[in-house]
Amino acid sequence: MMVSDAEPLQGWDALLLLRDQPLRPGEERRLGFVFLSGQEAADTFKTAGQFYLWEGRFIGEATVVS
């Protein structure tokens, strides 16, 4: 069994603000998020800077821009 010093993965529920246009595979877009867990989740993402999108599996990655 391998032991890792890495921090455990965290998950936060969020809604992507897609403006009624689906995000297609390979597409890059600047969009907003609404975090269902409030400011604590938003602060976590700002600190991380980059994160993965999960919908039953990894579906993309994101970078915090502001």
N, C-alpha and C. Protein backbone atom coordinates (compact mmCIF):
# COMPACT_ATOMS: atom_id res chain seq x y z
N MET A 1 0.84 -1.18 0.00
CA MET A 1 0.00 0.00 0.00
C MET A 1 0.89 1.24 0.00
N MET A 2 0.60 2.20 -0.89
CA MET A 2 1.35 3.45 -0.95
C MET A 2 0.74 4.47 -0.01
N VAL A 3 1.58 5.21 0.64
CA VAL A 3 1.14 6.30 1.49
C VAL A 3 1.57 7.60 0.84
N SER A 4 0.68 8.56 0.76
CA SER A 4 0.98 9.83 0.11
C SER A 4 0.88 10.97 1.10
N ASP A 5 1.77 11.94 0.94
CA ASP A 5 1.71 13.14 1.76
C ASP A 5 0.78 14.19 1.16
N ALA A 6 0.20 13.90 0.00
CA ALA A 6 -0.68 14.86 -0.68
C ALA A 6 -1.95 15.08 0.14
N GLU A 7 -2.47 16.28 0.03
CA GLU A 7 -3.73 16.60 0.70
C GLU A 7 -4.86 15.82 0.05
N PRO A 8 -5.89 15.46 0.81
CA PRO A 8 -7.02 14.73 0.22
C PRO A 8 -7.78 15.63 -0.76
N LEU A 9 -8.42 15.00 -1.72
CA LEU A 9 -9.23 15.75 -2.68
C LEU A 9 -10.45 16.33 -1.99
N GLN A 10 -10.88 17.50 -2.44
CA GLN A 10 -12.09 18.13 -1.92
C GLN A 10 -13.05 18.32 -3.07
N GLY A 11 -14.31 18.29 -2.75
CA GLY A 11 -15.32 18.56 -3.76
C GLY A 11 -16.30 19.60 -3.26
N TRP A 12 -16.71 20.48 -4.16
CA TRP A 12 -17.66 21.53 -3.82
C TRP A 12 -18.72 21.58 -4.92
N ASP A 13 -19.97 21.70 -4.55
CA ASP A 13 -21.05 21.83 -5.53
C ASP A 13 -21.10 23.24 -6.07
N ALA A 14 -21.23 23.34 -7.39
CA ALA A 14 -21.29 24.65 -8.03
C ALA A 14 -22.14 24.56 -9.30
N LEU A 15 -22.69 25.68 -9.68
CA LEU A 15 -23.41 25.78 -10.94
C LEU A 15 -22.58 26.63 -11.89
N LEU A 16 -22.39 26.14 -13.10
CA LEU A 16 -21.67 26.90 -14.12
C LEU A 16 -22.67 27.83 -14.81
N LEU A 17 -22.29 29.07 -15.02
CA LEU A 17 -23.16 30.05 -15.67
C LEU A 17 -22.85 30.03 -17.17
N LEU A 18 -23.57 29.17 -17.89
CA LEU A 18 -23.29 28.91 -19.31
C LEU A 18 -24.10 29.78 -20.27
N ARG A 19 -25.02 30.57 -19.78
CA ARG A 19 -25.85 31.44 -20.62
C ARG A 19 -26.57 30.67 -21.74
N ASP A 20 -27.15 29.54 -21.40
CA ASP A 20 -27.96 28.72 -22.32
C ASP A 20 -27.18 28.19 -23.51
N GLN A 21 -25.86 28.16 -23.44
CA GLN A 21 -25.03 27.59 -24.50
C GLN A 21 -24.16 26.50 -23.89
N PRO A 22 -24.34 25.25 -24.33
CA PRO A 22 -23.53 24.17 -23.73
C PRO A 22 -22.04 24.37 -24.02
N LEU A 23 -21.24 23.83 -23.15
CA LEU A 23 -19.79 23.85 -23.33
C LEU A 23 -19.42 22.58 -24.07
N ARG A 24 -18.80 22.70 -25.22
CA ARG A 24 -18.46 21.55 -26.06
C ARG A 24 -17.05 21.04 -25.74
N PRO A 25 -16.81 19.74 -26.00
CA PRO A 25 -15.47 19.18 -25.75
C PRO A 25 -14.38 19.99 -26.46
N GLY A 26 -13.33 20.31 -25.74
CA GLY A 26 -12.21 21.05 -26.30
C GLY A 26 -12.39 22.55 -26.33
N GLU A 27 -13.59 23.02 -26.04
CA GLU A 27 -13.89 24.46 -26.08
C GLU A 27 -13.34 25.15 -24.83
N GLU A 28 -12.82 26.34 -25.02
CA GLU A 28 -12.38 27.17 -23.90
C GLU A 28 -13.31 28.37 -23.81
N ARG A 29 -13.69 28.69 -22.59
CA ARG A 29 -14.61 29.82 -22.40
C ARG A 29 -14.41 30.41 -21.02
N ARG A 30 -14.59 31.71 -20.92
CA ARG A 30 -14.58 32.38 -19.62
C ARG A 30 -16.02 32.42 -19.13
N LEU A 31 -16.25 31.88 -17.93
CA LEU A 31 -17.62 31.86 -17.40
C LEU A 31 -17.60 31.97 -15.89
N GLY A 32 -18.74 32.16 -15.33
CA GLY A 32 -18.87 32.31 -13.89
C GLY A 32 -19.37 31.05 -13.22
N PHE A 33 -19.21 31.01 -11.92
CA PHE A 33 -19.68 29.90 -11.10
C PHE A 33 -20.51 30.46 -9.96
N VAL A 34 -21.51 29.71 -9.54
CA VAL A 34 -22.23 29.99 -8.30
C VAL A 34 -21.93 28.81 -7.39
N PHE A 35 -21.28 29.08 -6.26
CA PHE A 35 -20.92 28.03 -5.33
C PHE A 35 -22.04 27.83 -4.33
N LEU A 36 -22.55 26.61 -4.26
CA LEU A 36 -23.67 26.31 -3.39
C LEU A 36 -23.26 26.29 -1.92
N SER A 37 -21.96 26.18 -1.66
CA SER A 37 -21.46 26.19 -0.29
C SER A 37 -21.00 27.57 0.15
N GLY A 38 -21.26 28.58 -0.67
CA GLY A 38 -21.00 29.96 -0.28
C GLY A 38 -19.56 30.40 -0.38
N GLN A 39 -19.22 31.37 0.44
CA GLN A 39 -17.93 32.04 0.37
C GLN A 39 -16.76 31.12 0.69
N GLU A 40 -16.97 30.16 1.57
CA GLU A 40 -15.88 29.23 1.91
C GLU A 40 -15.40 28.50 0.66
N ALA A 41 -16.33 28.02 -0.17
CA ALA A 41 -15.96 27.34 -1.40
C ALA A 41 -15.27 28.30 -2.37
N ALA A 42 -15.82 29.49 -2.53
CA ALA A 42 -15.23 30.48 -3.44
C ALA A 42 -13.80 30.80 -3.01
N ASP A 43 -13.56 30.97 -1.74
CA ASP A 43 -12.22 31.27 -1.24
C ASP A 43 -11.25 30.11 -1.50
N THR A 44 -11.73 28.89 -1.36
CA THR A 44 -10.90 27.71 -1.63
C THR A 44 -10.45 27.69 -3.08
N PHE A 45 -11.35 27.99 -4.01
CA PHE A 45 -11.00 27.98 -5.43
C PHE A 45 -10.05 29.12 -5.78
N LYS A 46 -10.26 30.28 -5.19
CA LYS A 46 -9.36 31.41 -5.43
C LYS A 46 -7.95 31.07 -4.98
N THR A 47 -7.83 30.43 -3.83
CA THR A 47 -6.53 30.05 -3.29
C THR A 47 -5.86 28.99 -4.18
N ALA A 48 -6.64 28.02 -4.65
CA ALA A 48 -6.10 26.94 -5.48
C ALA A 48 -5.62 27.46 -6.83
N GLY A 49 -6.37 28.38 -7.43
CA GLY A 49 -5.98 28.93 -8.72
C GLY A 49 -6.40 28.08 -9.90
N GLN A 50 -6.22 26.77 -9.81
CA GLN A 50 -6.65 25.85 -10.85
C GLN A 50 -7.39 24.69 -10.19
N PHE A 51 -8.36 24.13 -10.92
CA PHE A 51 -9.11 23.00 -10.38
C PHE A 51 -9.72 22.20 -11.52
N TYR A 52 -10.21 21.01 -11.19
CA TYR A 52 -10.82 20.12 -12.17
C TYR A 52 -12.33 20.14 -12.02
N LEU A 53 -13.01 19.98 -13.13
CA LEU A 53 -14.47 19.88 -13.14
C LEU A 53 -14.85 18.41 -13.14
N TRP A 54 -15.80 18.06 -12.30
CA TRP A 54 -16.19 16.67 -12.11
C TRP A 54 -17.69 16.54 -12.30
N GLU A 55 -18.10 15.61 -13.12
CA GLU A 55 -19.52 15.28 -13.31
C GLU A 55 -19.60 13.77 -13.45
N GLY A 56 -19.36 13.08 -12.32
CA GLY A 56 -19.29 11.62 -12.34
C GLY A 56 -17.95 11.11 -12.84
N ARG A 57 -17.15 11.97 -13.41
CA ARG A 57 -15.80 11.73 -13.89
C ARG A 57 -15.18 13.10 -14.18
N PHE A 58 -13.87 13.16 -14.38
CA PHE A 58 -13.27 14.43 -14.73
C PHE A 58 -13.71 14.82 -16.13
N ILE A 59 -14.24 16.04 -16.27
CA ILE A 59 -14.73 16.50 -17.57
C ILE A 59 -13.99 17.73 -18.06
N GLY A 60 -13.12 18.30 -17.26
CA GLY A 60 -12.40 19.49 -17.69
C GLY A 60 -11.58 20.05 -16.56
N GLU A 61 -10.90 21.13 -16.88
CA GLU A 61 -10.12 21.83 -15.87
C GLU A 61 -10.37 23.33 -16.02
N ALA A 62 -10.15 24.03 -14.94
CA ALA A 62 -10.46 25.46 -14.92
C ALA A 62 -9.35 26.24 -14.22
N THR A 63 -9.23 27.49 -14.60
CA THR A 63 -8.27 28.41 -13.99
C THR A 63 -9.03 29.63 -13.48
N VAL A 64 -8.79 30.01 -12.26
CA VAL A 64 -9.43 31.19 -11.67
C VAL A 64 -8.76 32.42 -12.25
N VAL A 65 -9.56 33.34 -12.82
CA VAL A 65 -9.00 34.56 -13.42
C VAL A 65 -9.34 35.81 -12.64
N SER A 66 -10.32 35.77 -11.77
CA SER A 66 -10.60 36.95 -10.94
C SER A 66 -11.48 36.61 -9.78
